[in-house]
């Protein structure tokens, strides 16, 4: 169901980008998507300014996040301010990932987000989150879309496939050698 939902979100985004509605369909079928349960354990000793997850953008096309348990997720708005992002139980949060940001020449900007530590009175509790990371097939070209380039927004990224981009990012993060 998450793949189906992500497909329809990407179809809407394709139309927004001036593409044919099913543009992403063949790129996400049998792609490298993952559903990743994340457990943030209780805090036992006072953290030294650390966050549960430092500010970052997701590598993929889009991320779907069902109501994470409790506060902590924050997104950075266009002014650079951090705002709480809390979904109700019947809501879905959607983040634009780095791949889609790159492909659209930042017309759709990657959602920079972080997970902050809870207030001291909540240190003894866990936080759970289950994001669905929609990744395309490895040979999808992430070349900047021609209709996202103009004199005010020149091409900002070199040509690369999603597989190459994923490998590059995993190396940068120290998760791959």
N, C-alpha and C. Protein backbone atom coordinates (compact mmCIF):
# COMPACT_ATOMS: atom_id res chain seq x y z
N UNK A 1 0.81 -1.19 0.00
CA UNK A 1 0.00 0.00 0.00
C UNK A 1 0.87 1.27 0.00
N UNK A 2 2.01 1.19 0.70
CA UNK A 2 2.91 2.35 0.72
C UNK A 2 3.49 2.62 -0.66
N UNK A 3 3.85 1.55 -1.38
CA UNK A 3 4.36 1.73 -2.75
C UNK A 3 3.30 2.36 -3.63
N UNK A 4 2.06 1.90 -3.50
CA UNK A 4 0.96 2.44 -4.30
C UNK A 4 0.74 3.92 -3.97
N UNK A 5 0.76 4.24 -2.69
CA UNK A 5 0.59 5.64 -2.27
C UNK A 5 1.73 6.50 -2.82
N UNK A 6 2.96 6.02 -2.69
CA UNK A 6 4.11 6.76 -3.20
C UNK A 6 4.02 6.95 -4.71
N UNK A 7 3.53 5.94 -5.41
CA UNK A 7 3.37 6.05 -6.86
C UNK A 7 2.44 7.21 -7.22
N UNK A 8 1.33 7.33 -6.49
CA UNK A 8 0.38 8.40 -6.80
C UNK A 8 0.90 9.78 -6.38
N UNK A 9 1.69 9.82 -5.32
CA UNK A 9 2.34 11.08 -4.95
C UNK A 9 3.31 11.49 -6.05
N UNK A 10 4.11 10.53 -6.53
CA UNK A 10 5.07 10.84 -7.61
C UNK A 10 4.36 11.22 -8.90
N UNK A 11 3.21 10.64 -9.16
CA UNK A 11 2.44 11.05 -10.35
C UNK A 11 2.01 12.51 -10.24
N UNK A 12 1.58 12.92 -9.05
CA UNK A 12 1.20 14.32 -8.85
C UNK A 12 2.41 15.23 -9.01
N UNK A 13 3.54 14.82 -8.47
CA UNK A 13 4.76 15.62 -8.60
C UNK A 13 5.23 15.69 -10.04
N UNK A 14 5.06 14.60 -10.79
CA UNK A 14 5.42 14.61 -12.21
C UNK A 14 4.61 15.68 -12.94
N UNK A 15 3.32 15.74 -12.68
CA UNK A 15 2.49 16.76 -13.32
C UNK A 15 2.95 18.16 -12.92
N UNK A 16 3.29 18.33 -11.65
CA UNK A 16 3.79 19.63 -11.18
C UNK A 16 5.07 20.03 -11.91
N UNK A 17 5.89 19.04 -12.25
CA UNK A 17 7.16 19.31 -12.95
C UNK A 17 6.99 19.41 -14.47
N UNK A 18 5.75 19.31 -14.95
CA UNK A 18 5.50 19.41 -16.39
C UNK A 18 5.81 18.13 -17.14
N UNK A 19 5.80 17.00 -16.45
CA UNK A 19 6.08 15.70 -17.07
C UNK A 19 4.77 14.94 -17.28
N UNK A 20 4.84 13.86 -18.02
CA UNK A 20 3.69 12.99 -18.16
C UNK A 20 3.40 12.37 -16.79
N UNK A 21 2.12 12.19 -16.48
CA UNK A 21 1.74 11.69 -15.16
C UNK A 21 2.45 10.40 -14.76
N UNK A 22 2.57 9.39 -15.62
CA UNK A 22 3.23 8.14 -15.20
C UNK A 22 4.76 8.16 -15.34
N UNK A 23 5.36 9.34 -15.45
CA UNK A 23 6.81 9.45 -15.69
C UNK A 23 7.63 8.54 -14.78
N UNK A 24 7.32 8.51 -13.49
CA UNK A 24 8.13 7.75 -12.53
C UNK A 24 7.77 6.27 -12.44
N UNK A 25 6.63 5.87 -12.98
CA UNK A 25 6.11 4.51 -12.79
C UNK A 25 7.13 3.41 -13.07
N UNK A 26 7.77 3.45 -14.22
CA UNK A 26 8.72 2.39 -14.58
C UNK A 26 10.02 2.47 -13.78
N UNK A 27 10.30 3.62 -13.22
CA UNK A 27 11.52 3.78 -12.42
C UNK A 27 11.35 3.24 -11.00
N UNK A 28 10.11 3.22 -10.51
CA UNK A 28 9.90 2.77 -9.14
C UNK A 28 9.44 1.32 -9.06
N UNK A 29 9.01 0.76 -10.18
CA UNK A 29 8.59 -0.65 -10.17
C UNK A 29 9.83 -1.51 -9.93
N UNK A 30 9.78 -2.34 -8.89
CA UNK A 30 10.92 -3.18 -8.49
C UNK A 30 12.16 -2.35 -8.16
N UNK A 31 11.93 -1.16 -7.60
CA UNK A 31 13.04 -0.30 -7.20
C UNK A 31 13.68 -0.77 -5.90
N UNK A 32 14.48 0.08 -5.33
CA UNK A 32 15.24 -0.27 -4.13
C UNK A 32 14.63 0.31 -2.85
N UNK A 33 13.31 0.44 -2.83
CA UNK A 33 12.63 1.04 -1.69
C UNK A 33 12.77 0.20 -0.43
N UNK A 34 12.74 0.88 0.71
CA UNK A 34 12.81 0.15 1.98
C UNK A 34 11.87 0.77 3.01
N UNK A 35 11.31 -0.11 3.83
CA UNK A 35 10.54 0.29 5.00
C UNK A 35 11.46 0.04 6.18
N UNK A 36 11.79 1.10 6.91
CA UNK A 36 12.84 0.99 7.93
C UNK A 36 12.30 1.38 9.30
N UNK A 37 12.07 0.39 10.16
CA UNK A 37 11.69 0.73 11.53
C UNK A 37 12.89 1.30 12.29
N UNK A 38 12.68 2.41 12.96
CA UNK A 38 13.75 3.06 13.71
C UNK A 38 13.33 3.17 15.18
N UNK A 39 14.20 2.71 16.05
CA UNK A 39 13.96 2.82 17.49
C UNK A 39 14.99 3.76 18.08
N UNK A 40 14.49 4.83 18.69
CA UNK A 40 15.35 5.74 19.43
C UNK A 40 15.19 5.34 20.90
N UNK A 41 16.21 4.70 21.48
CA UNK A 41 16.06 4.19 22.85
C UNK A 41 15.97 5.31 23.89
N UNK A 42 15.53 4.94 25.09
CA UNK A 42 15.49 5.94 26.16
C UNK A 42 16.89 6.53 26.40
N UNK A 43 16.92 7.76 26.84
CA UNK A 43 18.18 8.42 27.16
C UNK A 43 18.48 8.15 28.62
N UNK A 44 19.68 7.63 28.88
CA UNK A 44 20.04 7.23 30.26
C UNK A 44 20.97 8.23 30.94
N UNK A 45 21.76 8.95 30.14
CA UNK A 45 22.65 9.96 30.71
C UNK A 45 22.47 11.25 29.91
N UNK A 46 22.76 12.35 30.55
CA UNK A 46 22.54 13.65 29.89
C UNK A 46 23.37 13.79 28.63
N UNK A 47 22.67 14.02 27.48
CA UNK A 47 23.41 14.19 26.22
C UNK A 47 24.15 15.52 26.21
N UNK A 48 25.28 15.52 25.54
CA UNK A 48 26.09 16.74 25.44
C UNK A 48 25.75 17.47 24.14
N UNK A 49 24.53 17.99 24.06
CA UNK A 49 24.12 18.76 22.89
C UNK A 49 23.80 17.94 21.66
N UNK A 50 23.89 16.62 21.77
CA UNK A 50 23.64 15.77 20.60
C UNK A 50 22.14 15.71 20.31
N UNK A 51 21.83 15.37 19.09
CA UNK A 51 20.46 15.13 18.68
C UNK A 51 20.32 13.64 18.41
N UNK A 52 19.10 13.16 18.41
CA UNK A 52 18.89 11.74 18.11
C UNK A 52 19.25 11.46 16.65
N UNK A 53 18.99 12.38 15.79
CA UNK A 53 19.41 12.28 14.38
C UNK A 53 19.73 13.70 13.91
N UNK A 54 20.96 13.90 13.48
CA UNK A 54 21.40 15.22 13.03
C UNK A 54 20.67 15.64 11.75
N UNK A 55 20.70 16.91 11.46
CA UNK A 55 20.03 17.46 10.28
C UNK A 55 20.53 16.77 9.01
N UNK A 56 19.60 16.37 8.17
CA UNK A 56 19.95 15.69 6.92
C UNK A 56 18.76 15.69 5.97
N UNK A 57 19.04 15.37 4.71
CA UNK A 57 18.01 15.09 3.73
C UNK A 57 18.08 13.61 3.41
N UNK A 58 16.96 13.00 3.10
CA UNK A 58 16.96 11.58 2.73
C UNK A 58 17.52 11.43 1.32
N UNK A 59 18.16 10.31 1.05
CA UNK A 59 18.83 10.09 -0.23
C UNK A 59 17.85 9.86 -1.38
N UNK A 60 16.73 9.28 -1.12
CA UNK A 60 15.78 8.74 -2.09
C UNK A 60 14.97 9.79 -2.85
N UNK A 61 13.91 9.32 -3.55
CA UNK A 61 13.00 10.22 -4.26
C UNK A 61 12.07 10.92 -3.27
N UNK A 62 11.28 10.12 -2.54
CA UNK A 62 10.40 10.66 -1.50
C UNK A 62 10.37 9.70 -0.32
N UNK A 63 10.01 10.23 0.83
CA UNK A 63 9.83 9.43 2.03
C UNK A 63 8.41 9.62 2.52
N UNK A 64 7.76 8.52 2.85
CA UNK A 64 6.44 8.56 3.47
C UNK A 64 6.61 8.20 4.93
N UNK A 65 6.01 8.97 5.80
CA UNK A 65 6.14 8.73 7.23
C UNK A 65 4.76 8.77 7.87
N UNK A 66 4.36 7.63 8.40
CA UNK A 66 3.11 7.58 9.14
C UNK A 66 3.39 8.15 10.53
N UNK A 67 2.39 8.75 11.15
CA UNK A 67 2.51 9.38 12.45
C UNK A 67 3.54 8.79 13.37
N UNK A 68 4.70 9.39 13.44
CA UNK A 68 5.75 8.94 14.35
C UNK A 68 5.27 9.14 15.77
N UNK A 69 5.78 8.31 16.65
CA UNK A 69 5.33 8.35 18.03
C UNK A 69 5.98 9.51 18.77
N UNK A 70 5.21 10.47 19.14
CA UNK A 70 5.70 11.58 19.95
C UNK A 70 6.43 12.65 19.15
N UNK A 71 6.67 13.77 19.82
CA UNK A 71 7.39 14.88 19.20
C UNK A 71 8.86 14.52 19.05
N UNK A 72 9.55 15.32 18.29
CA UNK A 72 10.98 15.12 18.10
C UNK A 72 11.41 15.42 16.68
N UNK A 73 10.56 15.04 15.71
CA UNK A 73 10.89 15.32 14.32
C UNK A 73 10.67 16.80 14.04
N UNK A 74 11.69 17.41 13.46
CA UNK A 74 11.59 18.80 13.05
C UNK A 74 12.05 18.94 11.61
N UNK A 75 11.42 19.85 10.88
CA UNK A 75 11.83 20.16 9.51
C UNK A 75 12.28 21.60 9.45
N UNK A 76 13.19 21.86 8.52
CA UNK A 76 13.71 23.21 8.36
C UNK A 76 12.93 23.90 7.26
N UNK A 77 12.37 25.07 7.58
CA UNK A 77 11.63 25.79 6.54
C UNK A 77 12.59 26.60 5.67
N UNK A 78 12.05 27.30 4.68
CA UNK A 78 12.89 28.02 3.72
C UNK A 78 13.66 29.19 4.35
N UNK A 79 13.24 29.62 5.53
CA UNK A 79 13.95 30.68 6.23
C UNK A 79 15.07 30.14 7.12
N UNK A 80 15.16 28.81 7.23
CA UNK A 80 16.18 28.19 8.06
C UNK A 80 15.72 27.90 9.48
N UNK A 81 14.45 28.18 9.79
CA UNK A 81 13.90 27.91 11.11
C UNK A 81 13.48 26.45 11.21
N UNK A 82 13.61 25.88 12.42
CA UNK A 82 13.18 24.52 12.68
C UNK A 82 11.76 24.53 13.24
N UNK A 83 10.89 23.72 12.64
CA UNK A 83 9.51 23.63 13.11
C UNK A 83 9.16 22.17 13.39
N UNK A 84 8.36 21.96 14.43
CA UNK A 84 7.93 20.61 14.77
C UNK A 84 7.06 20.05 13.65
N UNK A 85 7.28 18.79 13.34
CA UNK A 85 6.48 18.10 12.32
C UNK A 85 5.82 16.90 13.01
N UNK A 86 4.56 17.06 13.29
CA UNK A 86 3.83 16.00 13.99
C UNK A 86 2.61 15.64 13.16
N UNK A 87 2.55 14.37 12.75
CA UNK A 87 1.40 13.89 11.97
C UNK A 87 0.38 13.31 12.92
N UNK A 88 -0.88 13.57 12.62
CA UNK A 88 -1.97 12.94 13.36
C UNK A 88 -2.04 11.47 12.94
N UNK A 89 -2.71 10.63 13.72
CA UNK A 89 -2.76 9.20 13.38
C UNK A 89 -3.28 8.90 11.98
N UNK A 90 -4.14 9.74 11.44
CA UNK A 90 -4.69 9.49 10.10
C UNK A 90 -4.00 10.31 9.01
N UNK A 91 -2.83 10.86 9.32
CA UNK A 91 -2.10 11.68 8.37
C UNK A 91 -0.79 11.02 7.96
N UNK A 92 -0.29 11.46 6.83
CA UNK A 92 0.96 10.95 6.28
C UNK A 92 1.85 12.15 5.98
N UNK A 93 3.09 12.09 6.43
CA UNK A 93 4.06 13.13 6.08
C UNK A 93 4.82 12.67 4.86
N UNK A 94 5.11 13.59 3.96
CA UNK A 94 5.84 13.27 2.74
C UNK A 94 7.02 14.22 2.64
N UNK A 95 8.22 13.64 2.56
CA UNK A 95 9.44 14.42 2.39
C UNK A 95 9.98 14.22 0.98
N UNK A 96 10.43 15.29 0.38
CA UNK A 96 11.16 15.20 -0.88
C UNK A 96 12.58 14.78 -0.54
N UNK A 97 13.12 13.80 -1.27
CA UNK A 97 14.47 13.32 -1.04
C UNK A 97 15.48 13.98 -1.98
N UNK A 98 16.75 13.70 -1.71
CA UNK A 98 17.85 14.30 -2.47
C UNK A 98 17.82 13.92 -3.95
N UNK A 99 17.40 12.68 -4.26
CA UNK A 99 17.35 12.26 -5.67
C UNK A 99 16.36 13.11 -6.46
N UNK A 100 15.18 13.32 -5.89
CA UNK A 100 14.16 14.11 -6.58
C UNK A 100 14.57 15.58 -6.63
N UNK A 101 15.21 16.05 -5.59
CA UNK A 101 15.70 17.43 -5.57
C UNK A 101 16.71 17.65 -6.70
N UNK A 102 17.62 16.72 -6.81
CA UNK A 102 18.65 16.78 -7.85
C UNK A 102 18.03 16.71 -9.25
N UNK A 103 17.12 15.75 -9.44
CA UNK A 103 16.47 15.53 -10.74
C UNK A 103 15.68 16.76 -11.18
N UNK A 104 15.10 17.47 -10.20
CA UNK A 104 14.29 18.66 -10.51
C UNK A 104 15.10 19.95 -10.43
N UNK A 105 16.42 19.82 -10.29
CA UNK A 105 17.30 21.00 -10.22
C UNK A 105 16.89 21.91 -9.06
N UNK A 106 16.50 21.28 -7.96
CA UNK A 106 16.04 21.97 -6.75
C UNK A 106 14.72 22.71 -6.91
N UNK A 107 13.98 22.42 -7.97
CA UNK A 107 12.62 22.97 -8.06
C UNK A 107 11.80 22.39 -6.92
N UNK A 108 12.01 21.11 -6.65
CA UNK A 108 11.49 20.46 -5.45
C UNK A 108 12.69 20.24 -4.54
N UNK A 109 12.72 20.91 -3.41
CA UNK A 109 13.90 20.86 -2.54
C UNK A 109 13.79 19.74 -1.51
N UNK A 110 14.91 19.10 -1.30
CA UNK A 110 14.98 18.04 -0.31
C UNK A 110 14.57 18.59 1.06
N UNK A 111 13.78 17.81 1.78
CA UNK A 111 13.30 18.21 3.10
C UNK A 111 14.41 17.95 4.12
N UNK A 112 15.01 19.02 4.61
CA UNK A 112 16.04 18.89 5.64
C UNK A 112 15.31 18.72 6.98
N UNK A 113 15.69 17.67 7.69
CA UNK A 113 15.00 17.36 8.94
C UNK A 113 15.98 16.78 9.96
N UNK A 114 15.53 16.74 11.21
CA UNK A 114 16.34 16.19 12.30
C UNK A 114 15.38 15.61 13.34
N UNK A 115 15.95 14.84 14.25
CA UNK A 115 15.17 14.34 15.39
C UNK A 115 15.87 14.83 16.65
N UNK A 116 15.16 15.63 17.41
CA UNK A 116 15.72 16.23 18.61
C UNK A 116 15.51 15.32 19.82
N UNK A 117 16.29 15.58 20.84
CA UNK A 117 16.10 14.87 22.11
C UNK A 117 14.83 15.36 22.78
N UNK A 118 14.16 14.47 23.49
CA UNK A 118 12.94 14.88 24.18
C UNK A 118 13.27 15.73 25.41
N UNK A 119 12.25 16.39 25.98
CA UNK A 119 12.48 17.10 27.24
C UNK A 119 12.91 16.11 28.32
N UNK A 120 13.62 16.59 29.30
CA UNK A 120 14.21 15.72 30.33
C UNK A 120 13.19 14.76 30.95
N UNK A 121 11.98 15.22 31.16
CA UNK A 121 10.97 14.36 31.78
C UNK A 121 10.56 13.18 30.89
N UNK A 122 10.97 13.22 29.62
CA UNK A 122 10.64 12.13 28.68
C UNK A 122 11.84 11.26 28.33
N UNK A 123 12.99 11.49 28.96
CA UNK A 123 14.20 10.74 28.64
C UNK A 123 14.03 9.24 28.79
N UNK A 124 13.19 8.80 29.70
CA UNK A 124 13.03 7.37 29.96
C UNK A 124 12.15 6.65 28.96
N UNK A 125 11.68 7.36 27.93
CA UNK A 125 10.79 6.73 26.94
C UNK A 125 11.49 6.56 25.59
N UNK A 126 11.06 5.56 24.89
CA UNK A 126 11.55 5.31 23.53
C UNK A 126 10.77 6.14 22.54
N UNK A 127 11.33 6.31 21.36
CA UNK A 127 10.62 6.93 20.24
C UNK A 127 10.74 5.97 19.08
N UNK A 128 9.63 5.75 18.39
CA UNK A 128 9.61 4.85 17.24
C UNK A 128 9.16 5.60 16.00
N UNK A 129 9.74 5.24 14.88
CA UNK A 129 9.39 5.84 13.60
C UNK A 129 9.55 4.75 12.54
N UNK A 130 8.65 4.74 11.56
CA UNK A 130 8.75 3.74 10.49
C UNK A 130 8.61 4.44 9.13
N UNK A 131 9.71 5.04 8.65
CA UNK A 131 9.64 5.70 7.34
C UNK A 131 9.71 4.69 6.19
N UNK A 132 9.04 5.05 5.11
CA UNK A 132 9.12 4.27 3.86
C UNK A 132 9.91 5.13 2.87
N UNK A 133 11.09 4.64 2.50
CA UNK A 133 11.96 5.37 1.59
C UNK A 133 11.74 4.85 0.17
N UNK A 134 11.13 5.66 -0.68
CA UNK A 134 10.86 5.27 -2.07
C UNK A 134 12.09 5.54 -2.92
N UNK A 135 12.78 4.46 -3.27
CA UNK A 135 13.96 4.52 -4.12
C UNK A 135 13.61 4.01 -5.51
N UNK A 136 14.18 4.59 -6.54
CA UNK A 136 13.96 4.08 -7.90
C UNK A 136 14.91 2.91 -8.19
N UNK A 137 14.77 2.35 -9.37
CA UNK A 137 15.71 1.35 -9.84
C UNK A 137 17.09 2.02 -10.01
N UNK A 138 18.13 1.23 -9.90
CA UNK A 138 19.49 1.78 -9.89
C UNK A 138 19.90 2.48 -11.18
N UNK A 139 19.32 2.08 -12.32
CA UNK A 139 19.75 2.71 -13.58
C UNK A 139 18.90 3.91 -13.99
N UNK A 140 18.03 4.40 -13.10
CA UNK A 140 17.29 5.63 -13.42
C UNK A 140 18.28 6.78 -13.52
N UNK A 141 18.20 7.52 -14.60
CA UNK A 141 19.06 8.69 -14.77
C UNK A 141 18.49 9.85 -13.94
N UNK A 142 19.33 10.41 -13.09
CA UNK A 142 18.94 11.56 -12.28
C UNK A 142 19.38 12.86 -12.93
N UNK A 143 19.68 12.82 -14.23
CA UNK A 143 20.07 14.02 -14.95
C UNK A 143 19.01 15.11 -14.71
N UNK A 144 19.45 16.33 -14.59
CA UNK A 144 18.52 17.44 -14.37
C UNK A 144 17.53 17.50 -15.55
N UNK A 145 16.26 17.57 -15.21
CA UNK A 145 15.21 17.65 -16.23
C UNK A 145 15.35 18.96 -17.00
N UNK A 146 15.26 18.86 -18.33
CA UNK A 146 15.43 20.05 -19.19
C UNK A 146 14.46 21.17 -18.82
N UNK A 147 13.21 20.80 -18.48
CA UNK A 147 12.23 21.85 -18.19
C UNK A 147 12.41 22.46 -16.80
N UNK A 148 13.44 22.03 -16.07
CA UNK A 148 13.77 22.62 -14.77
C UNK A 148 15.02 23.49 -14.85
N UNK A 149 15.44 23.77 -16.08
CA UNK A 149 16.62 24.62 -16.32
C UNK A 149 16.16 25.85 -17.09
N UNK A 150 16.59 27.01 -16.63
CA UNK A 150 16.35 28.25 -17.38
C UNK A 150 17.44 29.26 -17.00
N UNK A 151 17.36 30.46 -17.53
CA UNK A 151 18.43 31.44 -17.27
C UNK A 151 18.50 31.84 -15.80
N UNK A 152 17.38 31.76 -15.08
CA UNK A 152 17.39 32.09 -13.65
C UNK A 152 17.77 30.89 -12.77
N UNK A 153 17.71 29.70 -13.34
CA UNK A 153 18.02 28.48 -12.59
C UNK A 153 18.82 27.54 -13.49
N UNK A 154 20.12 27.85 -13.67
CA UNK A 154 20.95 27.00 -14.54
C UNK A 154 21.14 25.61 -13.93
N UNK A 155 21.56 24.68 -14.76
CA UNK A 155 21.79 23.30 -14.33
C UNK A 155 22.78 23.30 -13.16
N UNK A 156 22.37 22.67 -12.05
CA UNK A 156 23.19 22.69 -10.83
C UNK A 156 23.91 21.39 -10.55
N UNK A 157 23.58 20.30 -11.28
CA UNK A 157 24.12 18.99 -10.94
C UNK A 157 24.64 18.27 -12.18
N UNK A 158 25.69 17.49 -11.99
CA UNK A 158 26.21 16.64 -13.05
C UNK A 158 25.28 15.44 -13.25
N UNK A 159 25.36 14.84 -14.43
CA UNK A 159 24.57 13.66 -14.74
C UNK A 159 25.06 12.48 -13.90
N UNK A 160 24.11 11.66 -13.43
CA UNK A 160 24.43 10.50 -12.60
C UNK A 160 23.20 9.60 -12.56
N UNK A 161 23.40 8.31 -12.35
CA UNK A 161 22.26 7.41 -12.16
C UNK A 161 21.93 7.35 -10.67
N UNK A 162 20.74 6.87 -10.37
CA UNK A 162 20.36 6.77 -8.96
C UNK A 162 21.25 5.78 -8.22
N UNK A 163 21.67 4.71 -8.88
CA UNK A 163 22.56 3.74 -8.25
C UNK A 163 23.92 4.35 -7.93
N UNK A 164 24.45 5.13 -8.86
CA UNK A 164 25.74 5.81 -8.62
C UNK A 164 25.61 6.83 -7.49
N UNK A 165 24.50 7.55 -7.50
CA UNK A 165 24.27 8.56 -6.46
C UNK A 165 24.13 7.90 -5.09
N UNK A 166 23.39 6.80 -5.02
CA UNK A 166 23.23 6.07 -3.76
C UNK A 166 24.59 5.59 -3.25
N UNK A 167 25.38 4.98 -4.13
CA UNK A 167 26.73 4.52 -3.73
C UNK A 167 27.58 5.67 -3.22
N UNK A 168 27.54 6.80 -3.92
CA UNK A 168 28.31 7.98 -3.53
C UNK A 168 27.91 8.44 -2.13
N UNK A 169 26.61 8.53 -1.89
CA UNK A 169 26.12 8.98 -0.59
C UNK A 169 26.44 7.99 0.53
N UNK A 170 26.31 6.70 0.25
CA UNK A 170 26.62 5.68 1.26
C UNK A 170 28.10 5.71 1.64
N UNK A 171 28.96 6.00 0.66
CA UNK A 171 30.39 6.14 0.96
C UNK A 171 30.64 7.37 1.83
N UNK A 172 29.98 8.49 1.48
CA UNK A 172 30.13 9.73 2.26
C UNK A 172 29.71 9.51 3.72
N UNK A 173 28.69 8.69 3.92
CA UNK A 173 28.19 8.43 5.26
C UNK A 173 28.97 7.35 6.00
N UNK A 174 29.95 6.74 5.29
CA UNK A 174 30.76 5.69 5.90
C UNK A 174 30.04 4.37 6.01
N UNK A 175 28.95 4.20 5.26
CA UNK A 175 28.18 2.96 5.31
C UNK A 175 28.60 1.96 4.22
N UNK A 176 29.48 2.42 3.35
CA UNK A 176 29.97 1.57 2.26
C UNK A 176 31.40 1.96 1.96
N UNK A 177 32.21 0.98 1.59
CA UNK A 177 33.61 1.28 1.26
C UNK A 177 33.83 1.22 -0.22
